[in-house]
C-alpha atoms as a PDB file:
ATOM      1  CA  MET A   1       1.014  -8.141  17.506  1.00  0.00           C
ATOM      2  CA  GLU A   2       2.187  -4.407  17.662  1.00  0.00           C
ATOM      3  CA  ILE A   3       3.948  -3.181  14.726  1.00  0.00           C
ATOM      4  CA  GLN A   4       6.568  -1.382  17.051  1.00  0.00           C
ATOM      5  CA  SER A   5       7.925  -4.776  18.223  1.00  0.00           C
ATOM      6  CA  ILE A   6       8.434  -5.848  14.728  1.00  0.00           C
ATOM      7  CA  TYR A   7      10.266  -2.732  13.853  1.00  0.00           C
ATOM      8  CA  ALA A   8      12.361  -2.832  16.959  1.00  0.00           C
ATOM      9  CA  LEU A   9      14.269  -5.804  15.257  1.00  0.00           C
ATOM     10  CA  ILE A  10      15.176  -3.462  12.435  1.00  0.00           C
ATOM     11  CA  GLN A  11      15.537  -0.296  14.203  1.00  0.00           C
ATOM     12  CA  GLN A  12      19.083   0.382  13.074  1.00  0.00           C
ATOM     13  CA  ASP A  13      18.204  -0.469   9.541  1.00  0.00           C
ATOM     14  CA  MET A  14      15.113   1.755   9.598  1.00  0.00           C
ATOM     15  CA  SER A  15      17.000   4.615  11.033  1.00  0.00           C
ATOM     16  CA  ALA A  16      19.501   4.132   8.172  1.00  0.00           C
ATOM     17  CA  VAL A  17      16.689   4.263   5.642  1.00  0.00           C
ATOM     18  CA  ASP A  18      15.089   7.434   7.295  1.00  0.00           C
ATOM     19  CA  ALA A  19      18.711   9.026   7.022  1.00  0.00           C
ATOM     20  CA  MET A  20      18.925   8.009   3.361  1.00  0.00           C
ATOM     21  CA  ILE A  21      15.427   9.447   2.604  1.00  0.00           C
ATOM     22  CA  GLN A  22      16.441  12.782   4.137  1.00  0.00           C
ATOM     23  CA  GLN A  23      19.826  12.724   2.157  1.00  0.00           C
ATOM     24  CA  ARG A  24      18.268  11.753  -1.247  1.00  0.00           C
ATOM     25  CA  LEU A  25      15.335  14.145  -0.931  1.00  0.00           C
ATOM     26  CA  GLN A  26      17.596  17.177  -1.241  1.00  0.00           C
ATOM     27  CA  SER A  27      17.341  19.337  -4.101  1.00  0.00           C
ATOM     28  CA  GLU A  28      18.270  22.841  -5.145  1.00  0.00           C
ATOM     29  CA  VAL A  29      14.513  23.521  -5.666  1.00  0.00           C
ATOM     30  CA  VAL A  30      13.157  24.676  -2.405  1.00  0.00           C
ATOM     31  CA  LEU A  31       9.543  23.515  -3.041  1.00  0.00           C
ATOM     32  CA  ILE A  32      10.647  20.025  -3.742  1.00  0.00           C
ATOM     33  CA  ASN A  33      12.393  20.068  -0.262  1.00  0.00           C
ATOM     34  CA  GLN A  34       9.364  21.329   1.462  1.00  0.00           C
ATOM     35  CA  LEU A  35       6.735  19.102  -0.182  1.00  0.00           C
ATOM     36  CA  GLY A  36       8.973  16.054  -0.241  1.00  0.00           C
ATOM     37  CA  HIS A  37       9.811  16.334   3.641  1.00  0.00           C
ATOM     38  CA  TYR A  38       6.024  16.908   4.275  1.00  0.00           C
ATOM     39  CA  ILE A  39       4.884  13.769   2.643  1.00  0.00           C
ATOM     40  CA  ILE A  40       7.660  11.542   3.693  1.00  0.00           C
ATOM     41  CA  ASN A  41       7.541  12.729   7.387  1.00  0.00           C
ATOM     42  CA  SER A  42       3.806  12.597   7.622  1.00  0.00           C
ATOM     43  CA  GLY A  43       3.599   9.308   9.813  1.00  0.00           C
ATOM     44  CA  GLY A  44       3.451   6.534   7.255  1.00  0.00           C
ATOM     45  CA  LYS A  45       3.926   2.921   8.354  1.00  0.00           C
ATOM     46  CA  ARG A  46       7.070   2.404   6.274  1.00  0.00           C
ATOM     47  CA  LEU A  47       5.634  -1.149   5.636  1.00  0.00           C
ATOM     48  CA  ARG A  48       6.998  -1.565   2.291  1.00  0.00           C
ATOM     49  CA  PRO A  49      10.550  -0.725   3.303  1.00  0.00           C
ATOM     50  CA  ALA A  50      10.230  -2.910   6.297  1.00  0.00           C
ATOM     51  CA  ILE A  51       9.484  -5.962   4.057  1.00  0.00           C
ATOM     52  CA  ALA A  52      12.400  -5.320   1.954  1.00  0.00           C
ATOM     53  CA  LEU A  53      14.726  -4.912   5.055  1.00  0.00           C
ATOM     54  CA  LEU A  54      13.250  -8.116   6.799  1.00  0.00           C
ATOM     55  CA  SER A  55      13.393 -10.107   3.610  1.00  0.00           C
ATOM     56  CA  ALA A  56      16.931  -9.147   3.038  1.00  0.00           C
ATOM     57  CA  ARG A  57      17.890  -9.959   6.634  1.00  0.00           C
ATOM     58  CA  ALA A  58      15.947 -13.320   6.499  1.00  0.00           C
ATOM     59  CA  CYS A  59      18.207 -14.164   3.474  1.00  0.00           C
ATOM     60  CA  GLY A  60      21.357 -13.439   5.583  1.00  0.00           C
ATOM     61  CA  HIS A  61      22.122 -10.042   4.013  1.00  0.00           C
ATOM     62  CA  ASN A  62      24.902  -8.264   5.801  1.00  0.00           C
ATOM     63  CA  ALA A  63      25.924  -5.487   3.527  1.00  0.00           C
ATOM     64  CA  THR A  64      24.179  -2.100   2.879  1.00  0.00           C
ATOM     65  CA  ALA A  65      22.304  -2.520  -0.472  1.00  0.00           C
ATOM     66  CA  HIS A  66      19.047  -3.319   1.517  1.00  0.00           C
ATOM     67  CA  ILE A  67      19.103   0.320   2.817  1.00  0.00           C
ATOM     68  CA  GLN A  68      19.186   1.865  -0.630  1.00  0.00           C
ATOM     69  CA  LEU A  69      16.521  -0.671  -1.866  1.00  0.00           C
ATOM     70  CA  ALA A  70      14.247   0.117   1.021  1.00  0.00           C
ATOM     71  CA  THR A  71      14.684   3.869   0.258  1.00  0.00           C
ATOM     72  CA  ILE A  72      13.867   3.298  -3.426  1.00  0.00           C
ATOM     73  CA  ILE A  73      10.760   1.359  -2.491  1.00  0.00           C
ATOM     74  CA  GLU A  74       9.475   4.141  -0.133  1.00  0.00           C
ATOM     75  CA  PHE A  75      10.121   6.998  -2.787  1.00  0.00           C
ATOM     76  CA  ILE A  76       8.119   4.884  -5.281  1.00  0.00           C
ATOM     77  CA  HIS A  77       5.283   4.431  -2.866  1.00  0.00           C
ATOM     78  CA  THR A  78       5.313   8.107  -1.891  1.00  0.00           C
ATOM     79  CA  ALA A  79       5.358   9.326  -5.436  1.00  0.00           C
ATOM     80  CA  SER A  80       2.255   7.097  -6.095  1.00  0.00           C
ATOM     81  CA  LEU A  81       0.484   8.818  -3.044  1.00  0.00           C
ATOM     82  CA  LEU A  82       1.134  12.170  -4.162  1.00  0.00           C
ATOM     83  CA  HIS A  83      -0.356  11.301  -7.648  1.00  0.00           C
ATOM     84  CA  ASP A  84      -3.278   9.271  -5.945  1.00  0.00           C
ATOM     85  CA  ASP A  85      -4.386  12.372  -3.825  1.00  0.00           C
ATOM     86  CA  VAL A  86      -4.483  14.569  -6.876  1.00  0.00           C
ATOM     87  CA  VAL A  87      -6.540  12.052  -8.990  1.00  0.00           C
ATOM     88  CA  ASP A  88      -8.884  11.388  -6.096  1.00  0.00           C
ATOM     89  CA  SER A  89      -9.075  15.067  -4.886  1.00  0.00           C
ATOM     90  CA  SER A  90      -8.149  13.926  -1.343  1.00  0.00           C
ATOM     91  CA  THR A  91      -7.918  16.313   1.361  1.00  0.00           C
ATOM     92  CA  MET A  92      -6.759  14.284   4.249  1.00  0.00           C
ATOM     93  CA  ARG A  93      -4.190  11.575   4.568  1.00  0.00           C
ATOM     94  CA  ARG A  94      -2.464  10.087   7.704  1.00  0.00           C
ATOM     95  CA  GLY A  95      -4.420  12.601   9.814  1.00  0.00           C
ATOM     96  CA  GLN A  96      -3.208  15.806   8.288  1.00  0.00           C
ATOM     97  CA  GLU A  97      -3.893  17.816   5.074  1.00  0.00           C
ATOM     98  CA  THR A  98      -2.698  16.110   1.861  1.00  0.00           C
ATOM     99  CA  ALA A  99       0.217  17.843   0.090  1.00  0.00           C
ATOM    100  CA  ASN A 100      -2.004  18.849  -2.911  1.00  0.00           C
ATOM    101  CA  SER A 101      -4.391  20.693  -0.299  1.00  0.00           C
ATOM    102  CA  VAL A 102      -1.285  22.577   0.854  1.00  0.00           C
ATOM    103  CA  TRP A 103       0.714  23.312  -2.251  1.00  0.00           C
ATOM    104  CA  GLY A 104      -1.873  22.480  -5.120  1.00  0.00           C
ATOM    105  CA  ASN A 105      -2.160  19.776  -7.579  1.00  0.00           C
ATOM    106  CA  GLU A 106       0.459  21.099  -9.968  1.00  0.00           C
ATOM    107  CA  ALA A 107       3.169  20.831  -7.308  1.00  0.00           C
ATOM    108  CA  SER A 108       2.167  17.679  -6.023  1.00  0.00           C
ATOM    109  CA  VAL A 109       2.189  15.912  -9.392  1.00  0.00           C
ATOM    110  CA  LEU A 110       5.638  17.386 -10.263  1.00  0.00           C
ATOM    111  CA  VAL A 111       7.266  16.415  -6.911  1.00  0.00           C
ATOM    112  CA  GLY A 112       5.822  12.892  -7.411  1.00  0.00           C
ATOM    113  CA  ASP A 113       7.705  12.798 -10.720  1.00  0.00           C
ATOM    114  CA  PHE A 114      10.740  13.910  -8.960  1.00  0.00           C
ATOM    115  CA  LEU A 115      10.556  11.167  -6.446  1.00  0.00           C
ATOM    116  CA  TYR A 116       9.951   8.512  -9.232  1.00  0.00           C
ATOM    117  CA  THR A 117      12.998   9.795 -11.168  1.00  0.00           C
ATOM    118  CA  ARG A 118      15.103   9.920  -8.011  1.00  0.00           C
ATOM    119  CA  ALA A 119      14.276   6.373  -7.255  1.00  0.00           C
ATOM    120  CA  PHE A 120      15.309   5.298 -10.788  1.00  0.00           C
ATOM    121  CA  GLU A 121      18.661   7.130 -10.226  1.00  0.00           C
ATOM    122  CA  MET A 122      19.226   5.199  -7.253  1.00  0.00           C
ATOM    123  CA  MET A 123      18.297   1.981  -8.854  1.00  0.00           C
ATOM    124  CA  VAL A 124      20.974   2.511 -11.341  1.00  0.00           C
ATOM    125  CA  GLU A 125      23.605   3.099  -8.602  1.00  0.00           C
ATOM    126  CA  LEU A 126      22.803  -0.604  -7.294  1.00  0.00           C
ATOM    127  CA  ASP A 127      24.144  -1.819 -10.654  1.00  0.00           C
ATOM    128  CA  SER A 128      21.813  -4.704 -11.043  1.00  0.00           C
ATOM    129  CA  MET A 129      20.097  -5.156 -14.376  1.00  0.00           C
ATOM    130  CA  ARG A 130      17.652  -7.721 -13.017  1.00  0.00           C
ATOM    131  CA  LEU A 131      16.668  -5.474 -10.073  1.00  0.00           C
ATOM    132  CA  MET A 132      15.990  -2.556 -12.532  1.00  0.00           C
ATOM    133  CA  LYS A 133      14.030  -4.780 -14.609  1.00  0.00           C
ATOM    134  CA  ILE A 134      11.836  -5.881 -11.723  1.00  0.00           C
ATOM    135  CA  LEU A 135      11.440  -2.379 -10.389  1.00  0.00           C
ATOM    136  CA  SER A 136      10.653  -0.833 -13.778  1.00  0.00           C
ATOM    137  CA  HIS A 137       8.046  -3.541 -14.566  1.00  0.00           C
ATOM    138  CA  THR A 138       6.584  -2.893 -10.981  1.00  0.00           C
ATOM    139  CA  THR A 139       6.145   0.903 -11.495  1.00  0.00           C
ATOM    140  CA  ASN A 140       4.611   0.071 -14.861  1.00  0.00           C
ATOM    141  CA  VAL A 141       2.088  -2.301 -13.377  1.00  0.00           C
ATOM    142  CA  ILE A 142       1.330   0.240 -10.667  1.00  0.00           C
ATOM    143  CA  ALA A 143       0.461   2.946 -13.396  1.00  0.00           C
ATOM    144  CA  GLU A 144      -1.788   0.368 -15.111  1.00  0.00           C
ATOM    145  CA  GLY A 145      -3.591  -0.261 -11.678  1.00  0.00           C
ATOM    146  CA  GLU A 146      -4.178   3.496 -11.381  1.00  0.00           C
ATOM    147  CA  VAL A 147      -5.859   3.494 -14.779  1.00  0.00           C
ATOM    148  CA  LEU A 148      -7.701   0.402 -14.059  1.00  0.00           C
ATOM    149  CA  GLN A 149      -9.085   1.959 -10.842  1.00  0.00           C
ATOM    150  CA  LEU A 150      -9.982   5.033 -12.729  1.00  0.00           C
ATOM    151  CA  LEU A 151     -12.142   2.916 -15.165  1.00  0.00           C
ATOM    152  CA  ASN A 152     -14.015   1.539 -12.246  1.00  0.00           C
ATOM    153  CA  VAL A 153     -14.877   4.796 -10.578  1.00  0.00           C
ATOM    154  CA  HIS A 154     -18.533   5.536 -10.410  1.00  0.00           C
ATOM    155  CA  ASP A 155     -19.231   2.010 -12.080  1.00  0.00           C
ATOM    156  CA  ALA A 156     -21.516   0.319  -9.590  1.00  0.00           C
ATOM    157  CA  SER A 157     -21.354  -2.762 -11.740  1.00  0.00           C
ATOM    158  CA  THR A 158     -17.610  -3.519 -11.072  1.00  0.00           C
ATOM    159  CA  THR A 159     -17.210  -7.047 -10.033  1.00  0.00           C
ATOM    160  CA  GLU A 160     -15.153  -8.546  -7.374  1.00  0.00           C
ATOM    161  CA  GLN A 161     -12.667  -9.774  -9.876  1.00  0.00           C
ATOM    162  CA  ARG A 162     -12.099  -6.479 -11.355  1.00  0.00           C
ATOM    163  CA  TYR A 163     -11.689  -4.930  -7.966  1.00  0.00           C
ATOM    164  CA  LEU A 164      -9.137  -7.571  -6.944  1.00  0.00           C
ATOM    165  CA  GLN A 165      -7.311  -6.937 -10.256  1.00  0.00           C
ATOM    166  CA  VAL A 166      -6.856  -3.330  -9.290  1.00  0.00           C
ATOM    167  CA  ILE A 167      -5.669  -3.957  -5.831  1.00  0.00           C
ATOM    168  CA  HIS A 168      -3.059  -6.647  -7.229  1.00  0.00           C
ATOM    169  CA  HIS A 169      -1.742  -4.009  -9.508  1.00  0.00           C
ATOM    170  CA  LYS A 170      -2.031  -0.803  -7.469  1.00  0.00           C
ATOM    171  CA  THR A 171      -0.946  -2.056  -4.080  1.00  0.00           C
ATOM    172  CA  ALA A 172       0.272  -5.842  -3.976  1.00  0.00           C
ATOM    173  CA  LYS A 173       2.724  -5.276  -6.703  1.00  0.00           C
ATOM    174  CA  LEU A 174       4.991  -2.859  -4.927  1.00  0.00           C
ATOM    175  CA  PHE A 175       4.820  -5.147  -1.770  1.00  0.00           C
ATOM    176  CA  GLU A 176       5.787  -8.154  -4.060  1.00  0.00           C
ATOM    177  CA  ALA A 177       8.883  -6.197  -5.450  1.00  0.00           C
ATOM    178  CA  ALA A 178      10.014  -5.382  -1.849  1.00  0.00           C
ATOM    179  CA  GLY A 179       9.966  -8.997  -0.757  1.00  0.00           C
ATOM    180  CA  GLN A 180      11.409 -10.374  -4.001  1.00  0.00           C
ATOM    181  CA  LEU A 181      14.260  -7.851  -4.150  1.00  0.00           C
ATOM    182  CA  GLY A 182      15.195  -8.279  -0.539  1.00  0.00           C
ATOM    183  CA  ALA A 183      16.062 -11.731  -1.389  1.00  0.00           C
ATOM    184  CA  LEU A 184      17.619 -10.888  -4.704  1.00  0.00           C
ATOM    185  CA  ILE A 185      20.142  -8.459  -3.382  1.00  0.00           C
ATOM    186  CA  SER A 186      21.082 -11.086  -0.787  1.00  0.00           C
ATOM    187  CA  GLY A 187      22.015 -13.758  -3.402  1.00  0.00           C
ATOM    188  CA  ALA A 188      19.185 -15.968  -2.156  1.00  0.00           C
ATOM    189  CA  PRO A 189      18.101 -19.148  -4.472  1.00  0.00           C
ATOM    190  CA  GLY A 190      15.539 -18.486  -6.935  1.00  0.00           C
ATOM    191  CA  ALA A 191      12.963 -20.498  -5.109  1.00  0.00           C
ATOM    192  CA  ILE A 192      13.362 -18.343  -1.956  1.00  0.00           C
ATOM    193  CA  GLU A 193      13.297 -15.154  -3.983  1.00  0.00           C
ATOM    194  CA  SER A 194      10.001 -16.238  -5.657  1.00  0.00           C
ATOM    195  CA  ALA A 195       8.600 -17.288  -2.170  1.00  0.00           C
ATOM    196  CA  LEU A 196       9.268 -14.073  -0.489  1.00  0.00           C
ATOM    197  CA  GLY A 197       7.816 -12.165  -3.442  1.00  0.00           C
ATOM    198  CA  LYS A 198       4.674 -14.183  -3.291  1.00  0.00           C
ATOM    199  CA  TYR A 199       4.648 -13.665   0.497  1.00  0.00           C
ATOM    200  CA  ALA A 200       4.655 -10.025   0.093  1.00  0.00           C
ATOM    201  CA  MET A 201       2.180  -9.866  -2.748  1.00  0.00           C
ATOM    202  CA  HIS A 202      -0.422 -11.820  -0.545  1.00  0.00           C
ATOM    203  CA  LEU A 203       0.240  -9.499   2.260  1.00  0.00           C
ATOM    204  CA  GLY A 204      -0.127  -6.455   0.116  1.00  0.00           C
ATOM    205  CA  SER A 205      -3.427  -7.765  -1.053  1.00  0.00           C
ATOM    206  CA  ALA A 206      -4.479  -8.454   2.692  1.00  0.00           C
ATOM    207  CA  PHE A 207      -3.259  -4.917   3.539  1.00  0.00           C
ATOM    208  CA  GLN A 208      -5.564  -3.176   0.915  1.00  0.00           C
ATOM    209  CA  LEU A 209      -8.544  -5.427   1.776  1.00  0.00           C
ATOM    210  CA  VAL A 210      -8.235  -4.297   5.388  1.00  0.00           C
ATOM    211  CA  ASP A 211      -7.759  -0.655   4.425  1.00  0.00           C
ATOM    212  CA  ASP A 212     -11.125  -0.876   2.494  1.00  0.00           C
ATOM    213  CA  LEU A 213     -12.838  -2.457   5.329  1.00  0.00           C
ATOM    214  CA  LEU A 214     -11.668   0.232   7.728  1.00  0.00           C
ATOM    215  CA  ASP A 215     -13.163   2.886   5.609  1.00  0.00           C
ATOM    216  CA  TYR A 216     -16.559   1.692   6.847  1.00  0.00           C
ATOM    217  CA  SER A 217     -15.814   0.233  10.367  1.00  0.00           C
ATOM    218  CA  VAL A 218     -13.719   2.737  12.312  1.00  0.00           C
ATOM    219  CA  SER A 219     -13.663   6.510  12.953  1.00  0.00           C
ATOM    220  CA  SER A 220     -11.812   9.188  10.759  1.00  0.00           C
ATOM    221  CA  GLU A 221      -9.637   9.892  13.842  1.00  0.00           C
ATOM    222  CA  ILE A 222      -8.308   6.308  13.986  1.00  0.00           C
ATOM    223  CA  ILE A 223      -7.629   5.624  10.367  1.00  0.00           C
ATOM    224  CA  GLY A 224      -6.417   9.254   9.546  1.00  0.00           C
ATOM    225  CA  LYS A 225      -8.645  10.110   6.713  1.00  0.00           C
ATOM    226  CA  ASN A 226     -12.284  10.916   6.009  1.00  0.00           C
ATOM    227  CA  ILE A 227     -14.688   8.134   6.454  1.00  0.00           C
ATOM    228  CA  GLY A 228     -16.439   7.261   3.309  1.00  0.00           C
ATOM    229  CA  ASP A 229     -13.709   8.771   1.236  1.00  0.00           C
ATOM    230  CA  ASP A 230     -13.908   5.730  -1.281  1.00  0.00           C
ATOM    231  CA  LEU A 231     -17.550   6.317  -1.445  1.00  0.00           C
ATOM    232  CA  ALA A 232     -17.274  10.002  -2.087  1.00  0.00           C
ATOM    233  CA  GLU A 233     -14.736   9.267  -4.871  1.00  0.00           C
ATOM    234  CA  GLY A 234     -17.102   6.678  -6.472  1.00  0.00           C
ATOM    235  CA  LYS A 235     -14.909   3.747  -5.765  1.00  0.00           C
ATOM    236  CA  PRO A 236     -16.623   0.378  -5.562  1.00  0.00           C
ATOM    237  CA  THR A 237     -14.494  -1.411  -3.016  1.00  0.00           C
ATOM    238  CA  LEU A 238     -15.236  -5.080  -1.724  1.00  0.00           C
ATOM    239  CA  PRO A 239     -17.570  -4.131   1.121  1.00  0.00           C
ATOM    240  CA  LEU A 240     -19.689  -2.131  -1.165  1.00  0.00           C
ATOM    241  CA  ILE A 241     -19.617  -4.794  -3.914  1.00  0.00           C
ATOM    242  CA  TYR A 242     -20.656  -7.470  -1.702  1.00  0.00           C
ATOM    243  CA  ALA A 243     -23.345  -5.522   0.094  1.00  0.00           C
ATOM    244  CA  MET A 244     -24.889  -4.625  -3.236  1.00  0.00           C
ATOM    245  CA  GLN A 245     -24.917  -8.402  -4.222  1.00  0.00           C
ATOM    246  CA  HIS A 246     -26.369  -9.544  -0.866  1.00  0.00           C
ATOM    247  CA  GLY A 247     -28.659  -6.685   0.200  1.00  0.00           C
ATOM    248  CA  SER A 248     -32.258  -6.112  -0.774  1.00  0.00           C
ATOM    249  CA  ALA A 249     -33.042  -4.409  -4.015  1.00  0.00           C
ATOM    250  CA  ALA A 250     -33.599  -1.107  -1.940  1.00  0.00           C
ATOM    251  CA  GLN A 251     -30.308  -1.482  -0.261  1.00  0.00           C
ATOM    252  CA  ALA A 252     -28.476  -2.071  -3.399  1.00  0.00           C
ATOM    253  CA  ALA A 253     -30.140   0.811  -4.934  1.00  0.00           C
ATOM    254  CA  ILE A 254     -28.870   3.166  -2.156  1.00  0.00           C
ATOM    255  CA  ILE A 255     -25.232   2.004  -2.596  1.00  0.00           C
ATOM    256  CA  ARG A 256     -25.513   2.062  -6.425  1.00  0.00           C
ATOM    257  CA  GLU A 257     -26.657   5.708  -6.356  1.00  0.00           C
ATOM    258  CA  ALA A 258     -23.899   6.720  -3.977  1.00  0.00           C
ATOM    259  CA  ILE A 259     -21.168   5.013  -6.056  1.00  0.00           C
ATOM    260  CA  GLU A 260     -22.569   6.487  -9.403  1.00  0.00           C
ATOM    261  CA  GLN A 261     -23.005  10.032  -7.952  1.00  0.00           C
ATOM    262  CA  GLY A 262     -20.033  10.095  -5.504  1.00  0.00           C
ATOM    263  CA  GLN A 263     -22.110  10.842  -2.567  1.00  0.00           C
ATOM    264  CA  ARG A 264     -21.187  10.596   1.108  1.00  0.00           C
ATOM    265  CA  ASP A 265     -24.510  12.049   2.397  1.00  0.00           C
ATOM    266  CA  LYS A 266     -26.096   8.580   3.081  1.00  0.00           C
ATOM    267  CA  ILE A 267     -22.808   7.176   4.643  1.00  0.00           C
ATOM    268  CA  ASP A 268     -24.495   6.201   7.991  1.00  0.00           C
ATOM    269  CA  ASP A 269     -27.220   4.254   6.004  1.00  0.00           C
ATOM    270  CA  ILE A 270     -24.610   2.587   3.811  1.00  0.00           C
ATOM    271  CA  ILE A 271     -22.535   1.506   6.917  1.00  0.00           C
ATOM    272  CA  ASP A 272     -25.645  -0.016   8.402  1.00  0.00           C
ATOM    273  CA  ILE A 273     -26.251  -1.923   5.143  1.00  0.00           C
ATOM    274  CA  ILE A 274     -22.520  -3.009   4.907  1.00  0.00           C
ATOM    275  CA  LYS A 275     -22.741  -4.473   8.444  1.00  0.00           C
ATOM    276  CA  GLU A 276     -26.306  -6.041   7.922  1.00  0.00           C
ATOM    277  CA  THR A 277     -25.230  -7.958   4.820  1.00  0.00           C
ATOM    278  CA  GLY A 278     -22.112  -9.299   6.389  1.00  0.00           C
ATOM    279  CA  ALA A 279     -19.750  -7.340   4.048  1.00  0.00           C
ATOM    280  CA  ILE A 280     -17.337  -6.396   6.835  1.00  0.00           C
ATOM    281  CA  ASP A 281     -16.988 -10.130   7.753  1.00  0.00           C
ATOM    282  CA  TYR A 282     -16.726 -11.210   4.200  1.00  0.00           C
ATOM    283  CA  THR A 283     -13.965  -8.655   3.489  1.00  0.00           C
ATOM    284  CA  ALA A 284     -12.080  -9.635   6.758  1.00  0.00           C
ATOM    285  CA  ALA A 285     -12.280 -13.287   5.750  1.00  0.00           C
ATOM    286  CA  ALA A 286     -10.854 -12.496   2.380  1.00  0.00           C
ATOM    287  CA  ALA A 287      -8.021 -10.557   4.070  1.00  0.00           C
ATOM    288  CA  ALA A 288      -7.363 -13.451   6.415  1.00  0.00           C
ATOM    289  CA  ARG A 289      -7.110 -16.004   3.562  1.00  0.00           C
ATOM    290  CA  GLU A 290      -4.475 -13.779   1.973  1.00  0.00           C
ATOM    291  CA  VAL A 291      -2.467 -13.656   5.112  1.00  0.00           C
ATOM    292  CA  GLU A 292      -2.584 -17.416   5.589  1.00  0.00           C
ATOM    293  CA  GLN A 293      -1.285 -17.836   1.971  1.00  0.00           C
ATOM    294  CA  ALA A 294       1.363 -15.296   2.706  1.00  0.00           C
ATOM    295  CA  LYS A 295       2.532 -17.149   5.693  1.00  0.00           C
ATOM    296  CA  THR A 296       2.476 -20.502   3.853  1.00  0.00           C
ATOM    297  CA  CYS A 297       4.847 -18.995   1.308  1.00  0.00           C
ATOM    298  CA  LEU A 298       7.470 -18.694   4.160  1.00  0.00           C
ATOM    299  CA  LEU A 299       7.639 -22.433   4.850  1.00  0.00           C
ATOM    300  CA  ASN A 300      10.917 -23.039   3.099  1.00  0.00           C
ATOM    301  CA  VAL A 301      12.558 -19.829   4.322  1.00  0.00           C
ATOM    302  CA  ALA A 302      15.075 -20.734   6.995  1.00  0.00           C
ATOM    303  CA  ASP A 303      13.875 -20.044  10.509  1.00  0.00           C
ATOM    304  CA  SER A 304      15.277 -16.892  12.089  1.00  0.00           C
ATOM    305  CA  GLU A 305      13.897 -13.794  14.098  1.00  0.00           C
ATOM    306  CA  TYR A 306      13.475 -12.049  10.880  1.00  0.00           C
ATOM    307  CA  LYS A 307      11.231 -14.828   9.283  1.00  0.00           C
ATOM    308  CA  THR A 308       9.272 -14.581  12.728  1.00  0.00           C
ATOM    309  CA  ALA A 309       8.862 -10.936  12.109  1.00  0.00           C
ATOM    310  CA  LEU A 310       7.586 -11.480   8.682  1.00  0.00           C
ATOM    311  CA  ILE A 311       4.930 -13.847  10.077  1.00  0.00           C
ATOM    312  CA  ASP A 312       4.118 -11.208  12.722  1.00  0.00           C
ATOM    313  CA  LEU A 313       3.857  -8.503  10.127  1.00  0.00           C
ATOM    314  CA  ALA A 314       1.263 -10.555   8.128  1.00  0.00           C
ATOM    315  CA  ASP A 315      -0.614 -11.024  11.294  1.00  0.00           C
ATOM    316  CA  PHE A 316      -0.591  -7.185  11.991  1.00  0.00           C
ATOM    317  CA  ALA A 317      -2.084  -6.609   8.514  1.00  0.00           C
ATOM    318  CA  VAL A 318      -5.310  -8.095   9.507  1.00  0.00           C
ATOM    319  CA  SER A 319      -5.466  -7.151  13.083  1.00  0.00           C
ATOM    320  CA  ARG A 320      -4.650  -3.383  12.756  1.00  0.00           C
ATOM    321  CA  GLN A 321      -7.276  -0.510  13.329  1.00  0.00           C
ATOM    322  CA  PHE A 322      -5.368   2.142  11.353  1.00  0.00           C
END
């Protein structure tokens, strides 16, 4: 399934989101405009806004609140990317230089703060205490996820359970909010709201698992970032964790040293170990299970072209190469 065909269904909505992003990014501070537009227009998939839009439409939403919701979701996501790249000292994202490489860490952190606070301004405008409660909790959980990940950096003893806890907090939680809130603003029953939130949570988990798998299975040109970035940052992701557990003592020692030292110089050897131990297949299978759980959550959602698109989006999450 090509993501373009999914997005074609919500093309008008996505165009309206893009227009609102440009409008609400405006600031009297020139650097905020420059850096904000740079990161927002850098070719992201807009997956989280798409989930919010599709969930709302699947619940019969026919007003305009879903456009503002999707914009808020994208601003929160973009703010987290700006902060992530500073914490990780990343130099490349989506095939181009990161904002911190161009403008410096200080500007990236502060413009990330601007995007967070602009998102909260826009939340207030929607005048829903429940929506604000969910989104404020979501941003808090994301922050916890960032700290949890920081605690795992250079720790080669990180378990699969600890890794999964990080991706649930850091990635899946904003997906979950997008799905749940699309239903909330549409006045859907509580059971449907919960179902769409769980669908999106499982989808977000699958998406991150595939991201971590692609870091060792495709080229830098395809994924738009440097191969082995996670390794260089000392991040013990699932392919590495599994390979250490199922490889020989010598193989585990190579990976352990790379994680603890934040080294990329043995990346070719480590990719070979990951493939030999079946870590790619294991991670792919974990992502596939998340996707099947996501689709099961949609069983009680009324049939529509938007529900079909949500199913297709889940399939895309595990079939993609970028």
